[in-house]
C-alpha atoms as a PDB file:
ATOM      1  CA  MET A   1     -28.877 -31.922  26.192  1.00  0.00           C
ATOM      2  CA  ASP A   2     -25.152 -31.243  26.857  1.00  0.00           C
ATOM      3  CA  LEU A   3     -23.423 -29.271  23.936  1.00  0.00           C
ATOM      4  CA  LYS A   4     -19.635 -28.965  23.817  1.00  0.00           C
ATOM      5  CA  PHE A   5     -17.618 -26.934  21.413  1.00  0.00           C
ATOM      6  CA  THR A   6     -14.024 -26.751  20.935  1.00  0.00           C
ATOM      7  CA  PHE A   7     -12.073 -24.234  18.631  1.00  0.00           C
ATOM      8  CA  ASN A   8      -8.506 -25.169  18.869  1.00  0.00           C
ATOM      9  CA  GLY A   9      -8.314 -28.566  17.355  1.00  0.00           C
ATOM     10  CA  GLY A  10      -9.211 -30.627  20.351  1.00  0.00           C
ATOM     11  CA  SER A  11      -8.422 -29.715  23.836  1.00  0.00           C
ATOM     12  CA  ALA A  12      -8.427 -31.742  26.970  1.00  0.00           C
ATOM     13  CA  ALA A  13     -12.026 -33.209  27.190  1.00  0.00           C
ATOM     14  CA  SER A  14     -12.528 -32.329  30.868  1.00  0.00           C
ATOM     15  CA  GLU A  15     -11.065 -28.770  30.572  1.00  0.00           C
ATOM     16  CA  HIS A  16     -14.365 -27.170  30.192  1.00  0.00           C
ATOM     17  CA  SER A  17     -16.636 -30.067  30.649  1.00  0.00           C
ATOM     18  CA  HIS A  18     -19.669 -30.065  32.960  1.00  0.00           C
ATOM     19  CA  ASP A  19     -19.508 -33.891  33.100  1.00  0.00           C
ATOM     20  CA  ALA A  20     -15.890 -34.719  34.060  1.00  0.00           C
ATOM     21  CA  GLY A  21     -16.388 -38.347  33.026  1.00  0.00           C
ATOM     22  CA  ALA A  22     -17.601 -37.627  29.419  1.00  0.00           C
ATOM     23  CA  GLY A  23     -15.073 -37.023  26.650  1.00  0.00           C
ATOM     24  CA  ALA A  24     -15.619 -34.311  23.933  1.00  0.00           C
ATOM     25  CA  ALA A  25     -14.920 -35.141  20.449  1.00  0.00           C
ATOM     26  CA  PRO A  26     -11.681 -33.458  19.100  1.00  0.00           C
ATOM     27  CA  GLY A  27     -12.501 -30.147  17.464  1.00  0.00           C
ATOM     28  CA  ILE A  28     -12.043 -29.472  13.910  1.00  0.00           C
ATOM     29  CA  PRO A  29      -9.548 -26.622  12.885  1.00  0.00           C
ATOM     30  CA  LEU A  30     -11.213 -23.552  11.585  1.00  0.00           C
ATOM     31  CA  PRO A  31     -10.550 -22.847   7.905  1.00  0.00           C
ATOM     32  CA  PHE A  32      -9.151 -19.441   8.289  1.00  0.00           C
ATOM     33  CA  THR A  33      -5.902 -17.970   9.303  1.00  0.00           C
ATOM     34  CA  THR A  34      -4.900 -14.605  10.951  1.00  0.00           C
ATOM     35  CA  THR A  35      -1.706 -14.397   8.782  1.00  0.00           C
ATOM     36  CA  PRO A  36      -1.892 -11.555   6.414  1.00  0.00           C
ATOM     37  CA  ALA A  37      -1.720 -12.340   2.580  1.00  0.00           C
ATOM     38  CA  ALA A  38       1.294  -9.984   2.381  1.00  0.00           C
ATOM     39  CA  SER A  39       4.303 -10.945   4.394  1.00  0.00           C
ATOM     40  CA  SER A  40       6.365  -7.907   3.377  1.00  0.00           C
ATOM     41  CA  SER A  41       6.896  -4.824   5.480  1.00  0.00           C
ATOM     42  CA  VAL A  42       7.212  -2.762   2.306  1.00  0.00           C
ATOM     43  CA  LEU A  43       4.480  -0.682   0.816  1.00  0.00           C
ATOM     44  CA  GLU A  44       5.436   1.512  -2.149  1.00  0.00           C
ATOM     45  CA  LEU A  45       3.305   3.842  -4.213  1.00  0.00           C
ATOM     46  CA  HIS A  46       4.273   3.209  -7.833  1.00  0.00           C
ATOM     47  CA  ALA A  47       3.316   5.776 -10.491  1.00  0.00           C
ATOM     48  CA  ARG A  48       3.790   4.944 -14.199  1.00  0.00           C
ATOM     49  CA  LEU A  49       3.000   6.628 -17.415  1.00  0.00           C
ATOM     50  CA  SER A  50       1.062   4.390 -19.722  1.00  0.00           C
ATOM     51  CA  GLY A  51      -0.012   6.063 -22.995  1.00  0.00           C
ATOM     52  CA  GLY A  52      -1.599   9.301 -21.966  1.00  0.00           C
ATOM     53  CA  THR A  53      -2.590   7.937 -18.481  1.00  0.00           C
ATOM     54  CA  VAL A  54      -0.734   8.012 -15.174  1.00  0.00           C
ATOM     55  CA  VAL A  55      -1.387   4.849 -13.421  1.00  0.00           C
ATOM     56  CA  ALA A  56      -0.675   4.830  -9.662  1.00  0.00           C
ATOM     57  CA  GLU A  57      -0.599   1.598  -7.453  1.00  0.00           C
ATOM     58  CA  ALA A  58       0.129   0.704  -3.974  1.00  0.00           C
ATOM     59  CA  LEU A  59       2.146  -2.346  -3.959  1.00  0.00           C
ATOM     60  CA  SER A  60       3.695  -4.512  -1.187  1.00  0.00           C
ATOM     61  CA  GLY A  61       7.017  -5.738  -1.521  1.00  0.00           C
ATOM     62  CA  ASP A  62       5.862  -9.211  -2.426  1.00  0.00           C
ATOM     63  CA  GLY A  63       3.585  -7.806  -5.232  1.00  0.00           C
ATOM     64  CA  VAL A  64       0.002  -7.497  -3.295  1.00  0.00           C
ATOM     65  CA  ASN A  65      -1.810  -4.640  -5.023  1.00  0.00           C
ATOM     66  CA  TYR A  66      -3.727  -2.823  -2.363  1.00  0.00           C
ATOM     67  CA  ALA A  67      -5.156   0.119  -4.368  1.00  0.00           C
ATOM     68  CA  SER A  68      -4.837   1.740  -7.814  1.00  0.00           C
ATOM     69  CA  ALA A  69      -5.895   4.918  -9.647  1.00  0.00           C
ATOM     70  CA  GLU A  70      -5.633   6.146 -13.089  1.00  0.00           C
ATOM     71  CA  VAL A  71      -5.596   9.865 -14.164  1.00  0.00           C
ATOM     72  CA  GLY A  72      -5.376  11.176 -17.747  1.00  0.00           C
ATOM     73  CA  ALA A  73      -2.176  13.297 -18.358  1.00  0.00           C
ATOM     74  CA  ALA A  74      -3.503  16.327 -20.089  1.00  0.00           C
ATOM     75  CA  ALA A  75      -0.608  16.976 -22.376  1.00  0.00           C
ATOM     76  CA  GLY A  76       1.450  13.888 -21.802  1.00  0.00           C
ATOM     77  CA  ALA A  77       5.158  13.522 -20.817  1.00  0.00           C
ATOM     78  CA  ASP A  78       6.110  16.598 -22.977  1.00  0.00           C
ATOM     79  CA  ASP A  79       4.400  19.165 -20.528  1.00  0.00           C
ATOM     80  CA  ALA A  80       6.035  18.691 -17.036  1.00  0.00           C
ATOM     81  CA  VAL A  81       3.622  20.773 -15.283  1.00  0.00           C
ATOM     82  CA  ALA A  82       0.418  18.748 -16.382  1.00  0.00           C
ATOM     83  CA  LEU A  83       2.416  15.381 -15.903  1.00  0.00           C
ATOM     84  CA  GLY A  84       3.274  16.515 -12.278  1.00  0.00           C
ATOM     85  CA  LYS A  85      -0.266  17.332 -11.596  1.00  0.00           C
ATOM     86  CA  ALA A  86      -1.562  14.147 -13.012  1.00  0.00           C
ATOM     87  CA  VAL A  87       1.065  12.136 -11.015  1.00  0.00           C
ATOM     88  CA  ARG A  88       0.255  13.942  -7.783  1.00  0.00           C
ATOM     89  CA  SER A  89      -3.589  13.241  -8.533  1.00  0.00           C
ATOM     90  CA  ALA A  90      -3.148   9.587  -9.085  1.00  0.00           C
ATOM     91  CA  LEU A  91      -0.960   9.104  -6.018  1.00  0.00           C
ATOM     92  CA  ALA A  92      -3.565  10.909  -3.892  1.00  0.00           C
ATOM     93  CA  ARG A  93      -6.345   8.767  -5.326  1.00  0.00           C
ATOM     94  CA  ALA A  94      -4.355   5.570  -4.664  1.00  0.00           C
ATOM     95  CA  VAL A  95      -3.519   6.802  -1.047  1.00  0.00           C
ATOM     96  CA  ALA A  96      -7.330   7.384  -0.770  1.00  0.00           C
ATOM     97  CA  GLY A  97      -8.107   3.950  -1.775  1.00  0.00           C
ATOM     98  CA  LEU A  98      -5.955   2.619   1.106  1.00  0.00           C
ATOM     99  CA  GLU A  99      -7.873   1.390   4.125  1.00  0.00           C
ATOM    100  CA  GLY A 100      -7.095   2.649   7.662  1.00  0.00           C
ATOM    101  CA  PRO A 101      -3.308   2.593   8.707  1.00  0.00           C
ATOM    102  CA  LEU A 102      -2.182   1.493   5.319  1.00  0.00           C
ATOM    103  CA  SER A 103      -2.065   4.953   4.033  1.00  0.00           C
ATOM    104  CA  GLU A 104       0.354   5.818   6.716  1.00  0.00           C
ATOM    105  CA  ALA A 105       2.605   2.808   6.008  1.00  0.00           C
ATOM    106  CA  VAL A 106       4.020   3.883   2.671  1.00  0.00           C
ATOM    107  CA  THR A 107       7.731   3.259   2.622  1.00  0.00           C
ATOM    108  CA  ALA A 108       8.612   4.807  -0.722  1.00  0.00           C
ATOM    109  CA  LEU A 109       7.341   6.542  -3.805  1.00  0.00           C
ATOM    110  CA  VAL A 110       8.506   4.919  -7.206  1.00  0.00           C
ATOM    111  CA  LEU A 111       8.130   6.856 -10.516  1.00  0.00           C
ATOM    112  CA  ASP A 112       8.313   5.535 -13.995  1.00  0.00           C
ATOM    113  CA  LEU A 113       7.477   8.470 -16.298  1.00  0.00           C
ATOM    114  CA  GLY A 114       9.779   7.719 -19.480  1.00  0.00           C
ATOM    115  CA  GLY A 115      12.652   9.993 -18.272  1.00  0.00           C
ATOM    116  CA  ALA A 116      10.382  12.949 -17.109  1.00  0.00           C
ATOM    117  CA  GLU A 117      10.474  12.149 -13.428  1.00  0.00           C
ATOM    118  CA  ALA A 118      12.750  15.119 -12.364  1.00  0.00           C
ATOM    119  CA  GLU A 119      10.902  17.473 -14.510  1.00  0.00           C
ATOM    120  CA  ALA A 120       7.522  16.434 -13.101  1.00  0.00           C
ATOM    121  CA  LEU A 121       8.716  16.446  -9.432  1.00  0.00           C
ATOM    122  CA  ARG A 122      10.409  19.987  -9.933  1.00  0.00           C
ATOM    123  CA  SER A 123       7.184  21.337 -11.358  1.00  0.00           C
ATOM    124  CA  LEU A 124       5.487  20.267  -7.971  1.00  0.00           C
ATOM    125  CA  GLY A 125       8.218  22.313  -6.148  1.00  0.00           C
ATOM    126  CA  ILE A 126      10.104  19.221  -4.910  1.00  0.00           C
ATOM    127  CA  ALA A 127      13.807  19.328  -4.905  1.00  0.00           C
ATOM    128  CA  VAL A 128      15.706  16.820  -6.940  1.00  0.00           C
ATOM    129  CA  ASP A 129      19.271  15.915  -6.589  1.00  0.00           C
ATOM    130  CA  GLU A 130      20.508  13.427  -9.380  1.00  0.00           C
ATOM    131  CA  THR A 131      23.498  12.476  -7.310  1.00  0.00           C
ATOM    132  CA  ALA A 132      21.740  11.665  -4.078  1.00  0.00           C
ATOM    133  CA  ASP A 133      20.104   8.439  -2.822  1.00  0.00           C
ATOM    134  CA  PRO A 134      17.086   8.735  -2.893  1.00  0.00           C
ATOM    135  CA  ARG A 135      17.021  11.469  -5.498  1.00  0.00           C
ATOM    136  CA  ALA A 136      14.106  13.284  -3.970  1.00  0.00           C
ATOM    137  CA  VAL A 137      11.829  13.082  -0.788  1.00  0.00           C
ATOM    138  CA  ALA A 138       8.324  14.045  -0.263  1.00  0.00           C
ATOM    139  CA  ASP A 139       7.864  17.485   1.199  1.00  0.00           C
ATOM    140  CA  ASP A 140       5.063  18.964   3.481  1.00  0.00           C
ATOM    141  CA  ALA A 141       3.229  20.246   0.441  1.00  0.00           C
ATOM    142  CA  LEU A 142       3.114  16.698  -0.992  1.00  0.00           C
ATOM    143  CA  GLN A 143       2.241  15.281   2.297  1.00  0.00           C
ATOM    144  CA  ARG A 144      -0.875  17.581   2.451  1.00  0.00           C
ATOM    145  CA  ARG A 145      -2.065  16.819  -1.192  1.00  0.00           C
ATOM    146  CA  VAL A 146      -1.275  13.013  -1.342  1.00  0.00           C
ATOM    147  CA  GLY A 147      -1.168  11.832   2.351  1.00  0.00           C
ATOM    148  CA  VAL A 148       2.248  10.318   2.419  1.00  0.00           C
ATOM    149  CA  ALA A 149       4.799  11.324   5.076  1.00  0.00           C
ATOM    150  CA  ALA A 150       7.039  13.978   4.532  1.00  0.00           C
ATOM    151  CA  GLY A 151      10.498  12.685   4.085  1.00  0.00           C
ATOM    152  CA  THR A 152       9.353   9.497   2.214  1.00  0.00           C
ATOM    153  CA  PRO A 153      11.910   8.575  -0.296  1.00  0.00           C
ATOM    154  CA  ILE A 154      11.064   9.106  -3.949  1.00  0.00           C
ATOM    155  CA  ARG A 155      12.878   6.796  -6.333  1.00  0.00           C
ATOM    156  CA  PHE A 156      12.959   6.693 -10.246  1.00  0.00           C
END
């Protein structure tokens, strides 16, 4: 019995044939692709306040959600220290949910904390400049605790 397989949609029959006179049936294209689902090179960590919970999500530029985490904010947006700790914890958990090199591919942190973004960052020891763009960047301490590279821009 002579078995012939093609995986490229039908190559020349005699290319890999033991019997040069026999033709192989054209191959059937495989039903998968190696193209990633997300075509964006942007991977942002978003942290938002939802009720008494901080929700962190790792989102690509075209909206693919790679990881998410929720942490209860102990005192809500009124206590900047508790809010800062909850944001840091939620971001760390979302980064931990990323697989392999994705955790090193984060391009920005985006905060939506109902106007308490600067106070929450300052409570973590991160310098905030309201006139700069970006207003803040991840420092070495945040890199150690969350896993994003120092110098990663923080927008809000």
